[in-house]
Amino acid sequence: MRPAIRPSPPDPIAAAISGVLDEAAHSIGPAEQGMLAFVQGLLTAAAIGPERTFPHEWIAAIFQGHRFEDADAAQASYALLSLMHDRILRDLRQRGAEYSPEFLDQAQGEEKIGLAREWASGFVAGMQLRGKAWEALVNSRDARLVLVPILALLTLEDGAPVLPTNSAEEIAQIRREAVDLLGPAVYGVDKYWKMHGRRAGPAPVPALLKVGRNEPCPCGSGKKYKKCCLDRAA
């Protein structure tokens, strides 16, 4: 007989930051909302992809060479992204096939489609963190269809849609439909990698707010923090 699985105790820090994120999502401007949707997309791909990724990789992809004022600022970003990552995993675990990206509750109409484009761009950026490993899904003729709602929202550098279409009206209709299918797409990708990937399941990332210079780096590299992510970030 299997022992009953006890739920983990609530994390007051995570709960507090989640509350701040909820409030901020409704008070920040369009540019910041777009950036937040991009980050959520990137972290979603990182959370459900074929191989585990680590906070220093997310920071590099999101901040792209930005130099933090000090190590505390870098660690605060690490902690916030870790909590967002784990919140996505929690929501997906709790809602299953009913999951939908968080940004969908923040806008309506064309604004929602704009945020969806940012989210999709972030998701592809998250895929690129382990691009080689994602090829198994991308190259699968049947399974890759789960990515269509995400690809439908993307545009090329010249502004043309990634998926071939015949008219602007058709593009608009496809994108409206794609927004409603993003949740099922995330659920489908997560299910695919659980069945075919190399990860046993999603792995929460500890939101460490303070790491000693001589302690092992929380990214899992095996190096000391001062020789790894602290050196990268600060």
C-alpha atoms as a PDB file:
ATOM      1  CA  MET A   1       0.000   0.000   0.000  1.00  0.00           C
ATOM      2  CA  ARG A   2       1.427   3.352  -1.027  1.00  0.00           C
ATOM      3  CA  PRO A   3       1.884   5.957   1.691  1.00  0.00           C
ATOM      4  CA  ALA A   4      -0.270   9.027   1.305  1.00  0.00           C
ATOM      5  CA  ILE A   5       1.532  11.962  -0.287  1.00  0.00           C
ATOM      6  CA  ARG A   6       1.395  14.956   1.979  1.00  0.00           C
ATOM      7  CA  PRO A   7       1.186  18.372   0.365  1.00  0.00           C
ATOM      8  CA  SER A   8       4.193  20.579   0.971  1.00  0.00           C
ATOM      9  CA  PRO A   9       3.645  23.404   3.465  1.00  0.00           C
ATOM     10  CA  PRO A  10       2.876  26.802   1.951  1.00  0.00           C
ATOM     11  CA  ASP A  11       5.905  28.985   1.271  1.00  0.00           C
ATOM     12  CA  PRO A  12       5.179  32.458   2.698  1.00  0.00           C
ATOM     13  CA  ILE A  13       7.864  34.114   0.575  1.00  0.00           C
ATOM     14  CA  ALA A  14       6.525  32.563  -2.620  1.00  0.00           C
ATOM     15  CA  ALA A  15       2.975  33.508  -1.643  1.00  0.00           C
ATOM     16  CA  ALA A  16       3.971  37.101  -0.974  1.00  0.00           C
ATOM     17  CA  ILE A  17       5.814  37.478  -4.280  1.00  0.00           C
ATOM     18  CA  SER A  18       2.953  35.784  -6.131  1.00  0.00           C
ATOM     19  CA  GLY A  19       0.643  38.418  -4.681  1.00  0.00           C
ATOM     20  CA  VAL A  20       2.958  41.182  -5.858  1.00  0.00           C
ATOM     21  CA  LEU A  21       3.056  39.667  -9.350  1.00  0.00           C
ATOM     22  CA  ASP A  22      -0.728  39.447  -9.472  1.00  0.00           C
ATOM     23  CA  GLU A  23      -1.088  43.077  -8.474  1.00  0.00           C
ATOM     24  CA  ALA A  24       1.712  44.306 -10.719  1.00  0.00           C
ATOM     25  CA  ALA A  25       0.287  42.559 -13.786  1.00  0.00           C
ATOM     26  CA  HIS A  26      -2.776  44.815 -13.615  1.00  0.00           C
ATOM     27  CA  SER A  27      -0.942  48.062 -12.884  1.00  0.00           C
ATOM     28  CA  ILE A  28       2.111  48.092 -15.183  1.00  0.00           C
ATOM     29  CA  GLY A  29       2.135  49.651 -18.647  1.00  0.00           C
ATOM     30  CA  PRO A  30       1.834  47.873 -22.014  1.00  0.00           C
ATOM     31  CA  ALA A  31       5.602  47.611 -22.564  1.00  0.00           C
ATOM     32  CA  GLU A  32       6.148  46.055 -19.150  1.00  0.00           C
ATOM     33  CA  GLN A  33       3.191  43.709 -19.656  1.00  0.00           C
ATOM     34  CA  GLY A  34       4.736  42.581 -22.937  1.00  0.00           C
ATOM     35  CA  MET A  35       8.060  41.913 -21.233  1.00  0.00           C
ATOM     36  CA  LEU A  36       6.312  39.988 -18.473  1.00  0.00           C
ATOM     37  CA  ALA A  37       4.495  37.857 -21.078  1.00  0.00           C
ATOM     38  CA  PHE A  38       7.833  37.201 -22.827  1.00  0.00           C
ATOM     39  CA  VAL A  39       9.410  36.093 -19.552  1.00  0.00           C
ATOM     40  CA  GLN A  40       6.443  33.836 -18.771  1.00  0.00           C
ATOM     41  CA  GLY A  41       6.743  32.238 -22.207  1.00  0.00           C
ATOM     42  CA  LEU A  42      10.457  31.628 -21.805  1.00  0.00           C
ATOM     43  CA  LEU A  43      10.023  30.136 -18.341  1.00  0.00           C
ATOM     44  CA  THR A  44       7.175  27.925 -19.584  1.00  0.00           C
ATOM     45  CA  ALA A  45       9.409  26.352 -22.236  1.00  0.00           C
ATOM     46  CA  ALA A  46      12.194  26.019 -19.669  1.00  0.00           C
ATOM     47  CA  ALA A  47       9.835  24.346 -17.207  1.00  0.00           C
ATOM     48  CA  ILE A  48       8.271  21.783 -19.550  1.00  0.00           C
ATOM     49  CA  GLY A  49      11.111  21.133 -21.996  1.00  0.00           C
ATOM     50  CA  PRO A  50      13.099  17.933 -22.563  1.00  0.00           C
ATOM     51  CA  GLU A  51      16.013  18.897 -20.314  1.00  0.00           C
ATOM     52  CA  ARG A  52      16.306  20.881 -17.138  1.00  0.00           C
ATOM     53  CA  THR A  53      17.534  24.450 -17.442  1.00  0.00           C
ATOM     54  CA  PHE A  54      18.856  26.728 -14.729  1.00  0.00           C
ATOM     55  CA  PRO A  55      18.269  30.295 -13.530  1.00  0.00           C
ATOM     56  CA  HIS A  56      21.579  31.673 -14.774  1.00  0.00           C
ATOM     57  CA  GLU A  57      20.533  30.598 -18.298  1.00  0.00           C
ATOM     58  CA  TRP A  58      17.165  32.339 -17.968  1.00  0.00           C
ATOM     59  CA  ILE A  59      18.871  35.485 -16.709  1.00  0.00           C
ATOM     60  CA  ALA A  60      21.265  35.481 -19.674  1.00  0.00           C
ATOM     61  CA  ALA A  61      18.409  35.033 -22.169  1.00  0.00           C
ATOM     62  CA  ILE A  62      16.150  37.641 -20.563  1.00  0.00           C
ATOM     63  CA  PHE A  63      18.606  40.351 -19.557  1.00  0.00           C
ATOM     64  CA  GLN A  64      21.019  39.777 -22.483  1.00  0.00           C
ATOM     65  CA  GLY A  65      24.231  41.133 -21.057  1.00  0.00           C
ATOM     66  CA  HIS A  66      22.690  43.516 -18.527  1.00  0.00           C
ATOM     67  CA  ARG A  67      25.062  44.091 -15.625  1.00  0.00           C
ATOM     68  CA  PHE A  68      23.415  44.096 -12.214  1.00  0.00           C
ATOM     69  CA  GLU A  69      24.351  46.746  -9.699  1.00  0.00           C
ATOM     70  CA  ASP A  70      25.583  44.142  -7.244  1.00  0.00           C
ATOM     71  CA  ALA A  71      25.303  40.470  -6.332  1.00  0.00           C
ATOM     72  CA  ASP A  72      22.178  41.099  -4.246  1.00  0.00           C
ATOM     73  CA  ALA A  73      20.357  42.473  -7.299  1.00  0.00           C
ATOM     74  CA  ALA A  74      21.427  39.434  -9.321  1.00  0.00           C
ATOM     75  CA  GLN A  75      20.241  37.067  -6.579  1.00  0.00           C
ATOM     76  CA  ALA A  76      16.911  38.900  -6.330  1.00  0.00           C
ATOM     77  CA  SER A  77      16.369  38.376 -10.063  1.00  0.00           C
ATOM     78  CA  TYR A  78      17.355  34.739  -9.635  1.00  0.00           C
ATOM     79  CA  ALA A  79      14.808  34.309  -6.856  1.00  0.00           C
ATOM     80  CA  LEU A  80      11.980  36.064  -8.709  1.00  0.00           C
ATOM     81  CA  LEU A  81      12.477  34.046 -11.903  1.00  0.00           C
ATOM     82  CA  SER A  82      12.686  30.828  -9.882  1.00  0.00           C
ATOM     83  CA  LEU A  83       9.372  31.584  -8.195  1.00  0.00           C
ATOM     84  CA  MET A  84       7.730  32.412 -11.522  1.00  0.00           C
ATOM     85  CA  HIS A  85       9.082  29.157 -12.991  1.00  0.00           C
ATOM     86  CA  ASP A  86       7.721  27.115 -10.097  1.00  0.00           C
ATOM     87  CA  ARG A  87       4.388  28.929 -10.228  1.00  0.00           C
ATOM     88  CA  ILE A  88       3.972  27.841 -13.862  1.00  0.00           C
ATOM     89  CA  LEU A  89       4.720  24.230 -12.878  1.00  0.00           C
ATOM     90  CA  ARG A  90       2.265  24.422  -9.994  1.00  0.00           C
ATOM     91  CA  ASP A  91      -0.522  25.824 -12.160  1.00  0.00           C
ATOM     92  CA  LEU A  92       0.080  23.218 -14.850  1.00  0.00           C
ATOM     93  CA  ARG A  93       0.084  20.417 -12.285  1.00  0.00           C
ATOM     94  CA  GLN A  94      -3.121  21.646 -10.665  1.00  0.00           C
ATOM     95  CA  ARG A  95      -5.082  22.504 -13.808  1.00  0.00           C
ATOM     96  CA  GLY A  96      -3.812  19.856 -16.231  1.00  0.00           C
ATOM     97  CA  ALA A  97      -5.630  20.012 -19.566  1.00  0.00           C
ATOM     98  CA  GLU A  98      -7.447  23.158 -18.354  1.00  0.00           C
ATOM     99  CA  TYR A  99      -4.188  25.094 -18.004  1.00  0.00           C
ATOM    100  CA  SER A 100      -3.856  28.497 -19.668  1.00  0.00           C
ATOM    101  CA  PRO A 101      -0.950  30.987 -19.577  1.00  0.00           C
ATOM    102  CA  GLU A 102      -1.340  33.579 -16.859  1.00  0.00           C
ATOM    103  CA  PHE A 103      -1.231  36.576 -19.176  1.00  0.00           C
ATOM    104  CA  LEU A 104      -4.536  35.560 -20.781  1.00  0.00           C
ATOM    105  CA  ASP A 105      -6.370  36.951 -17.748  1.00  0.00           C
ATOM    106  CA  GLN A 106      -4.742  40.360 -18.120  1.00  0.00           C
ATOM    107  CA  ALA A 107      -6.076  41.672 -21.424  1.00  0.00           C
ATOM    108  CA  GLN A 108      -8.818  41.510 -24.043  1.00  0.00           C
ATOM    109  CA  GLY A 109      -9.054  41.660 -27.841  1.00  0.00           C
ATOM    110  CA  GLU A 110      -6.059  42.940 -29.792  1.00  0.00           C
ATOM    111  CA  GLU A 111      -4.137  43.626 -26.595  1.00  0.00           C
ATOM    112  CA  LYS A 112      -4.427  39.949 -25.702  1.00  0.00           C
ATOM    113  CA  ILE A 113      -3.109  38.943 -29.134  1.00  0.00           C
ATOM    114  CA  GLY A 114      -0.167  41.310 -28.691  1.00  0.00           C
ATOM    115  CA  LEU A 115       0.689  39.745 -25.347  1.00  0.00           C
ATOM    116  CA  ALA A 116       0.284  36.305 -26.894  1.00  0.00           C
ATOM    117  CA  ARG A 117       2.877  37.200 -29.538  1.00  0.00           C
ATOM    118  CA  GLU A 118       5.321  38.251 -26.810  1.00  0.00           C
ATOM    119  CA  TRP A 119       4.610  35.045 -24.880  1.00  0.00           C
ATOM    120  CA  ALA A 120       5.178  32.927 -28.001  1.00  0.00           C
ATOM    121  CA  SER A 121       8.464  34.732 -28.703  1.00  0.00           C
ATOM    122  CA  GLY A 122       9.546  34.015 -25.143  1.00  0.00           C
ATOM    123  CA  PHE A 123       8.540  30.366 -25.491  1.00  0.00           C
ATOM    124  CA  VAL A 124      10.751  29.995 -28.582  1.00  0.00           C
ATOM    125  CA  ALA A 125      13.603  31.715 -26.718  1.00  0.00           C
ATOM    126  CA  GLY A 126      13.127  29.147 -23.955  1.00  0.00           C
ATOM    127  CA  MET A 127      13.252  26.330 -26.524  1.00  0.00           C
ATOM    128  CA  GLN A 128      16.550  27.691 -27.810  1.00  0.00           C
ATOM    129  CA  LEU A 129      18.141  27.122 -24.399  1.00  0.00           C
ATOM    130  CA  ARG A 130      18.081  23.404 -25.309  1.00  0.00           C
ATOM    131  CA  GLY A 131      17.574  23.656 -29.058  1.00  0.00           C
ATOM    132  CA  LYS A 132      19.189  20.323 -29.888  1.00  0.00           C
ATOM    133  CA  ALA A 133      17.021  18.439 -27.405  1.00  0.00           C
ATOM    134  CA  TRP A 134      13.833  20.046 -28.754  1.00  0.00           C
ATOM    135  CA  GLU A 135      14.550  18.713 -32.255  1.00  0.00           C
ATOM    136  CA  ALA A 136      12.871  15.386 -31.469  1.00  0.00           C
ATOM    137  CA  LEU A 137       9.520  17.162 -31.121  1.00  0.00           C
ATOM    138  CA  VAL A 138      10.092  19.631 -33.953  1.00  0.00           C
ATOM    139  CA  ASN A 139      11.027  16.814 -36.365  1.00  0.00           C
ATOM    140  CA  SER A 140       8.112  14.545 -35.417  1.00  0.00           C
ATOM    141  CA  ARG A 141       5.558  14.925 -38.231  1.00  0.00           C
ATOM    142  CA  ASP A 142       2.555  14.231 -35.995  1.00  0.00           C
ATOM    143  CA  ALA A 143       3.668  15.422 -32.552  1.00  0.00           C
ATOM    144  CA  ARG A 144       4.947  18.806 -33.744  1.00  0.00           C
ATOM    145  CA  LEU A 145       1.379  19.864 -34.546  1.00  0.00           C
ATOM    146  CA  VAL A 146       1.068  20.724 -30.860  1.00  0.00           C
ATOM    147  CA  LEU A 147       3.383  23.682 -31.553  1.00  0.00           C
ATOM    148  CA  VAL A 148       1.171  25.163 -34.285  1.00  0.00           C
ATOM    149  CA  PRO A 149      -0.774  27.575 -31.999  1.00  0.00           C
ATOM    150  CA  ILE A 150       2.546  28.978 -30.761  1.00  0.00           C
ATOM    151  CA  LEU A 151       4.072  29.297 -34.240  1.00  0.00           C
ATOM    152  CA  ALA A 152       0.898  30.922 -35.564  1.00  0.00           C
ATOM    153  CA  LEU A 153       1.545  33.938 -33.339  1.00  0.00           C
ATOM    154  CA  LEU A 154       5.115  34.515 -34.487  1.00  0.00           C
ATOM    155  CA  THR A 155       6.382  36.777 -37.248  1.00  0.00           C
ATOM    156  CA  LEU A 156       9.607  36.764 -39.234  1.00  0.00           C
ATOM    157  CA  GLU A 157      12.046  39.675 -39.239  1.00  0.00           C
ATOM    158  CA  ASP A 158      10.259  41.224 -42.224  1.00  0.00           C
ATOM    159  CA  GLY A 159       6.949  41.086 -40.362  1.00  0.00           C
ATOM    160  CA  ALA A 160       5.537  38.159 -42.336  1.00  0.00           C
ATOM    161  CA  PRO A 161       3.797  35.392 -40.353  1.00  0.00           C
ATOM    162  CA  VAL A 162       5.742  32.192 -39.758  1.00  0.00           C
ATOM    163  CA  LEU A 163       2.849  30.039 -40.986  1.00  0.00           C
ATOM    164  CA  PRO A 164       1.825  30.544 -44.656  1.00  0.00           C
ATOM    165  CA  THR A 165      -1.531  32.319 -45.102  1.00  0.00           C
ATOM    166  CA  ASN A 166      -3.464  33.918 -47.937  1.00  0.00           C
ATOM    167  CA  SER A 167      -4.670  37.200 -46.448  1.00  0.00           C
ATOM    168  CA  ALA A 168      -4.459  39.588 -43.519  1.00  0.00           C
ATOM    169  CA  GLU A 169      -7.970  38.563 -42.491  1.00  0.00           C
ATOM    170  CA  GLU A 170      -6.925  34.931 -42.405  1.00  0.00           C
ATOM    171  CA  ILE A 171      -3.860  35.789 -40.312  1.00  0.00           C
ATOM    172  CA  ALA A 172      -6.030  37.672 -37.810  1.00  0.00           C
ATOM    173  CA  GLN A 173      -8.491  34.798 -37.541  1.00  0.00           C
ATOM    174  CA  ILE A 174      -5.742  32.200 -37.073  1.00  0.00           C
ATOM    175  CA  ARG A 175      -4.155  34.271 -34.325  1.00  0.00           C
ATOM    176  CA  ARG A 176      -7.435  34.753 -32.493  1.00  0.00           C
ATOM    177  CA  GLU A 177      -7.937  31.004 -32.512  1.00  0.00           C
ATOM    178  CA  ALA A 178      -4.301  30.357 -31.562  1.00  0.00           C
ATOM    179  CA  VAL A 179      -4.609  32.434 -28.377  1.00  0.00           C
ATOM    180  CA  ASP A 180      -7.336  30.121 -27.079  1.00  0.00           C
ATOM    181  CA  LEU A 181      -5.227  27.062 -27.914  1.00  0.00           C
ATOM    182  CA  LEU A 182      -2.046  28.108 -26.084  1.00  0.00           C
ATOM    183  CA  GLY A 183      -3.063  26.339 -22.866  1.00  0.00           C
ATOM    184  CA  PRO A 184      -3.752  23.009 -24.600  1.00  0.00           C
ATOM    185  CA  ALA A 185      -0.484  23.441 -26.520  1.00  0.00           C
ATOM    186  CA  VAL A 186       1.502  23.818 -23.290  1.00  0.00           C
ATOM    187  CA  TYR A 187      -0.263  20.798 -21.811  1.00  0.00           C
ATOM    188  CA  GLY A 188       0.455  18.791 -24.974  1.00  0.00           C
ATOM    189  CA  VAL A 189       4.148  19.716 -25.021  1.00  0.00           C
ATOM    190  CA  ASP A 190       4.504  18.848 -21.352  1.00  0.00           C
ATOM    191  CA  LYS A 191       2.800  15.487 -21.924  1.00  0.00           C
ATOM    192  CA  TYR A 192       5.009  14.730 -24.946  1.00  0.00           C
ATOM    193  CA  TRP A 193       8.253  15.283 -23.058  1.00  0.00           C
ATOM    194  CA  LYS A 194       7.051  13.275 -20.088  1.00  0.00           C
ATOM    195  CA  MET A 195       6.507  10.377 -22.482  1.00  0.00           C
ATOM    196  CA  HIS A 196       9.491  10.830 -24.801  1.00  0.00           C
ATOM    197  CA  GLY A 197      11.953  13.160 -23.114  1.00  0.00           C
ATOM    198  CA  ARG A 198      14.877  12.612 -20.854  1.00  0.00           C
ATOM    199  CA  ARG A 199      13.388  14.276 -17.810  1.00  0.00           C
ATOM    200  CA  ALA A 200      11.384  12.224 -15.354  1.00  0.00           C
ATOM    201  CA  GLY A 201       9.189  15.206 -14.567  1.00  0.00           C
ATOM    202  CA  PRO A 202       9.295  18.962 -13.971  1.00  0.00           C
ATOM    203  CA  ALA A 203      11.741  20.037 -11.331  1.00  0.00           C
ATOM    204  CA  PRO A 204      11.027  23.016  -9.055  1.00  0.00           C
ATOM    205  CA  VAL A 205      13.925  25.399  -8.591  1.00  0.00           C
ATOM    206  CA  PRO A 206      14.731  26.638  -5.093  1.00  0.00           C
ATOM    207  CA  ALA A 207      14.342  30.405  -4.869  1.00  0.00           C
ATOM    208  CA  LEU A 208      17.544  31.058  -2.971  1.00  0.00           C
ATOM    209  CA  LEU A 209      17.759  34.645  -1.827  1.00  0.00           C
ATOM    210  CA  LYS A 210      21.267  34.365  -0.428  1.00  0.00           C
ATOM    211  CA  VAL A 211      24.084  32.053  -1.469  1.00  0.00           C
ATOM    212  CA  GLY A 212      27.507  32.152   0.151  1.00  0.00           C
ATOM    213  CA  ARG A 213      30.435  32.878  -2.159  1.00  0.00           C
ATOM    214  CA  ASN A 214      32.108  29.579  -1.293  1.00  0.00           C
ATOM    215  CA  GLU A 215      28.957  27.449  -1.347  1.00  0.00           C
ATOM    216  CA  PRO A 216      28.111  25.189  -4.310  1.00  0.00           C
ATOM    217  CA  CYS A 217      26.375  27.174  -7.056  1.00  0.00           C
ATOM    218  CA  PRO A 218      22.609  26.520  -6.984  1.00  0.00           C
ATOM    219  CA  CYS A 219      22.574  26.106 -10.785  1.00  0.00           C
ATOM    220  CA  GLY A 220      23.959  22.598 -10.330  1.00  0.00           C
ATOM    221  CA  SER A 221      27.255  23.108 -12.164  1.00  0.00           C
ATOM    222  CA  GLY A 222      29.295  21.701  -9.275  1.00  0.00           C
ATOM    223  CA  LYS A 223      31.415  24.866  -9.076  1.00  0.00           C
ATOM    224  CA  LYS A 224      31.555  27.309  -6.197  1.00  0.00           C
ATOM    225  CA  TYR A 225      29.086  30.187  -6.488  1.00  0.00           C
ATOM    226  CA  LYS A 226      31.882  32.778  -6.755  1.00  0.00           C
ATOM    227  CA  LYS A 227      33.336  30.882  -9.717  1.00  0.00           C
ATOM    228  CA  CYS A 228      30.030  30.363 -11.506  1.00  0.00           C
ATOM    229  CA  CYS A 229      26.808  32.394 -11.495  1.00  0.00           C
ATOM    230  CA  LEU A 230      28.104  35.126  -9.173  1.00  0.00           C
ATOM    231  CA  ASP A 231      30.936  35.720 -11.626  1.00  0.00           C
ATOM    232  CA  ARG A 232      28.499  35.755 -14.568  1.00  0.00           C
ATOM    233  CA  ALA A 233      25.946  38.062 -13.007  1.00  0.00           C
ATOM    234  CA  ALA A 234      28.048  40.462 -10.981  1.00  0.00           C
END
